[in-house]
Structure formats: C-alpha cells, structure tokens
Amino acid sequence: MTSHTRIRKFNTKKTYPEQALDNDLCQTVVARGAMVFVRGQIGQNLDTSESVAIGDAAGQTEQAMSNIKMLLDEAGAKMEHICKITVYITDPRYREPVYRTIGKWLKGVHPVSTGIVVSALARPEWVVEVDAIAVIPDAA
C-alpha cells in the first residue's frame, strides 16, 4: 500500500444507495513523491489507435482503465498510486456502467474523483474519457 494519506474515505454504495455503484473514494489525498499525469484515456487501443467498444460505455471505460494501467506501469507507477481521476461522459445515463467499471480497477485505492457530463469528446464514437494523476511515493 502507498504512504499517501487518504482523508474521509467512503464507498459510493452508502453515498448513492439508489445507484448500483461500489467505488472506493475519499475527499482528500495528501501525497509526496514523483507526480505522474496521465492524459485522458478513451476506448482506443494505444498500440493500434483503433477505437474499441463502439456504443458500449462500460467497454470503452475498460479500455481506458487498461490504458491507464499500462501507462502507469511504463512510468514506474502502480494503480494504487492514483490520487485523482477525472471522468468525462457524454450522457448521464452512462454514469453507472462507467463508474462500476472504474470501481473494479480502483478497488481499495480511494482516489478523489470528479465527474463531468460533456456534449462531446474528440471523436463521435467516444462516450467516456478518464484522466488520472498518480504520485509515486518517496522512498521511506
């Protein structure tokens, strides 16, 4: 586990009981170390630039989170180092499938999270984008 301090941890099961969500989040993260900024990731294969999961918000989120993990690995970071995510969706009805998918990838991490509904993303087939900020902890 990281040495980051995560303040006021909560799970969305309790915060949003009317929604089928299970995300571990917190209100504040205090972190010291090397910062890693991950560009917004979408339903696109990083190696081929092929758009995937057309019309499937959960599938695009799965690809975005897989991309984030790959990029963090390449930077020497881990998913547990994520401190902040921002989630952009083009339709509020995508919230539950998108956040359920993110919740699986970030179980036990407790980042802070901001969600935004936007009118469009860079390509019309993309319906979700996720960016992340991670901090690789200073050596103890």
Protein backbone atom coordinates (compact mmCIF):
# COMPACT_ATOMS: atom_id res chain seq x y z
CA MET A 1 0.00 0.00 0.00
CA THR A 2 1.15 3.55 -0.57
CA SER A 3 2.17 6.03 2.05
CA HIS A 4 -0.42 8.53 0.78
CA THR A 5 -2.87 9.83 3.36
CA ARG A 6 -6.45 9.45 2.20
CA ILE A 7 -8.86 11.59 4.21
CA ARG A 8 -12.57 10.85 4.70
CA LYS A 9 -12.69 7.57 2.80
CA PHE A 10 -16.10 6.45 1.62
CA ASN A 11 -17.80 3.98 -0.67
CA THR A 12 -20.43 5.06 -3.17
CA LYS A 13 -22.75 2.21 -2.03
CA LYS A 14 -23.55 4.36 1.00
CA THR A 15 -23.29 7.77 -0.68
CA TYR A 16 -25.52 6.86 -3.64
CA PRO A 17 -27.71 3.98 -2.37
CA GLU A 18 -30.11 4.38 -5.31
CA GLN A 19 -27.32 3.57 -7.80
CA ALA A 20 -25.59 0.24 -8.35
CA LEU A 21 -22.10 1.58 -7.61
CA ASP A 22 -19.25 0.25 -5.48
CA ASN A 23 -16.41 2.77 -5.72
CA ASP A 24 -13.83 3.39 -3.00
CA LEU A 25 -13.18 7.15 -2.94
CA CYS A 26 -12.12 9.84 -0.49
CA GLN A 27 -12.45 13.58 -0.08
CA THR A 28 -8.73 14.44 0.05
CA VAL A 29 -5.39 12.80 -0.75
CA VAL A 30 -2.10 14.02 0.69
CA ALA A 31 0.84 12.65 -1.30
CA ARG A 32 4.57 13.24 -1.58
CA GLY A 33 6.68 11.91 -4.43
CA ALA A 34 7.07 11.93 -8.19
CA MET A 35 3.89 13.06 -9.93
CA VAL A 36 2.62 11.19 -12.99
CA PHE A 37 -0.02 12.88 -15.15
CA VAL A 38 -1.90 10.51 -17.44
CA ARG A 39 -3.58 12.09 -20.45
CA GLY A 40 -7.29 11.42 -20.83
CA GLN A 41 -7.80 7.84 -22.00
CA ILE A 42 -10.70 6.64 -24.11
CA GLY A 43 -11.90 3.47 -25.83
CA GLN A 44 -8.86 3.29 -28.08
CA ASN A 45 -6.12 0.71 -28.31
CA LEU A 46 -2.87 2.60 -27.63
CA ASP A 47 -0.80 0.39 -29.93
CA THR A 48 -3.09 0.39 -32.97
CA SER A 49 -5.13 3.61 -32.45
CA GLU A 50 -8.23 1.51 -33.16
CA SER A 51 -11.42 2.64 -31.43
CA VAL A 52 -12.97 -0.22 -29.46
CA ALA A 53 -16.34 -0.97 -27.86
CA ILE A 54 -18.29 1.40 -30.12
CA GLY A 55 -21.62 2.18 -28.43
CA ASP A 56 -20.55 0.48 -25.17
CA ALA A 57 -19.70 2.89 -22.33
CA ALA A 58 -18.51 0.11 -19.99
CA GLY A 59 -16.33 -1.41 -22.73
CA GLN A 60 -14.76 1.93 -23.53
CA THR A 61 -14.12 2.51 -19.82
CA GLU A 62 -12.48 -0.92 -19.57
CA GLN A 63 -10.11 0.05 -22.40
CA ALA A 64 -9.43 3.48 -20.85
CA MET A 65 -8.56 1.93 -17.48
CA SER A 66 -6.39 -0.71 -19.16
CA ASN A 67 -4.56 2.11 -20.96
CA ILE A 68 -4.09 3.99 -17.69
CA LYS A 69 -2.61 0.89 -16.04
CA MET A 70 -0.27 0.32 -19.00
CA LEU A 71 0.91 3.94 -19.00
CA LEU A 72 1.43 3.97 -15.23
CA ASP A 73 3.43 0.73 -15.50
CA GLU A 74 5.58 2.33 -18.20
CA ALA A 75 6.16 5.33 -15.90
CA GLY A 76 7.13 3.11 -12.94
CA ALA A 77 3.87 3.74 -11.08
CA LYS A 78 1.04 1.50 -9.91
CA MET A 79 -2.73 1.85 -9.89
CA GLU A 80 -2.58 2.24 -6.10
CA HIS A 81 -0.56 5.43 -6.62
CA ILE A 82 -3.53 7.15 -8.28
CA CYS A 83 -4.61 10.18 -6.27
CA LYS A 84 -7.08 11.88 -8.63
CA ILE A 85 -9.24 10.87 -11.56
CA THR A 86 -11.48 12.95 -13.76
CA VAL A 87 -14.25 11.18 -15.67
CA TYR A 88 -15.92 12.73 -18.70
CA ILE A 89 -19.10 11.14 -20.08
CA THR A 90 -21.30 12.29 -22.96
CA ASP A 91 -24.57 11.09 -21.42
CA PRO A 92 -25.52 10.98 -17.72
CA ARG A 93 -27.09 7.55 -18.29
CA TYR A 94 -23.56 6.16 -18.74
CA ARG A 95 -22.65 7.04 -15.15
CA GLU A 96 -23.43 3.68 -13.58
CA PRO A 97 -21.74 1.40 -16.14
CA VAL A 98 -18.72 3.71 -16.32
CA TYR A 99 -18.27 4.03 -12.56
CA ARG A 100 -18.90 0.31 -11.97
CA THR A 101 -16.03 -0.43 -14.35
CA ILE A 102 -13.74 2.16 -12.76
CA GLY A 103 -14.65 0.79 -9.33
CA LYS A 104 -13.32 -2.66 -10.26
CA TRP A 105 -9.98 -1.18 -11.35
CA LEU A 106 -9.59 1.08 -8.29
CA LYS A 107 -10.96 -1.13 -5.51
CA GLY A 108 -9.20 -0.21 -2.27
CA VAL A 109 -7.36 2.77 -3.80
CA HIS A 110 -9.65 5.62 -2.63
CA PRO A 111 -8.70 8.41 -5.07
CA VAL A 112 -10.53 11.70 -5.27
CA SER A 113 -12.80 11.82 -8.30
CA THR A 114 -14.55 14.44 -10.38
CA GLY A 115 -17.22 13.50 -12.91
CA ILE A 116 -18.32 15.77 -15.73
CA VAL A 117 -21.00 15.38 -18.40
CA VAL A 118 -19.81 16.93 -21.69
CA SER A 119 -21.54 17.42 -25.03
CA ALA A 120 -18.89 15.51 -26.98
CA LEU A 121 -15.36 14.12 -26.96
CA ALA A 122 -12.71 14.35 -29.72
CA ARG A 123 -14.35 11.65 -31.86
CA PRO A 124 -18.09 10.98 -32.10
CA GLU A 125 -17.71 7.27 -31.24
CA TRP A 126 -16.06 8.01 -27.89
CA VAL A 127 -18.51 8.34 -24.98
CA VAL A 128 -16.16 8.30 -21.97
CA GLU A 129 -12.71 9.65 -21.15
CA VAL A 130 -10.74 9.18 -17.93
CA ASP A 131 -7.59 11.01 -16.89
CA ALA A 132 -5.51 10.29 -13.83
CA ILE A 133 -2.90 11.83 -11.59
CA ALA A 134 -0.69 9.43 -9.67
CA VAL A 135 2.11 10.07 -7.22
CA ILE A 136 4.92 7.56 -6.82
CA PRO A 137 5.71 7.78 -3.09
CA ASP A 138 9.10 8.99 -1.96
CA ALA A 139 11.25 6.13 -0.65
CA ALA A 140 10.84 5.71 3.09
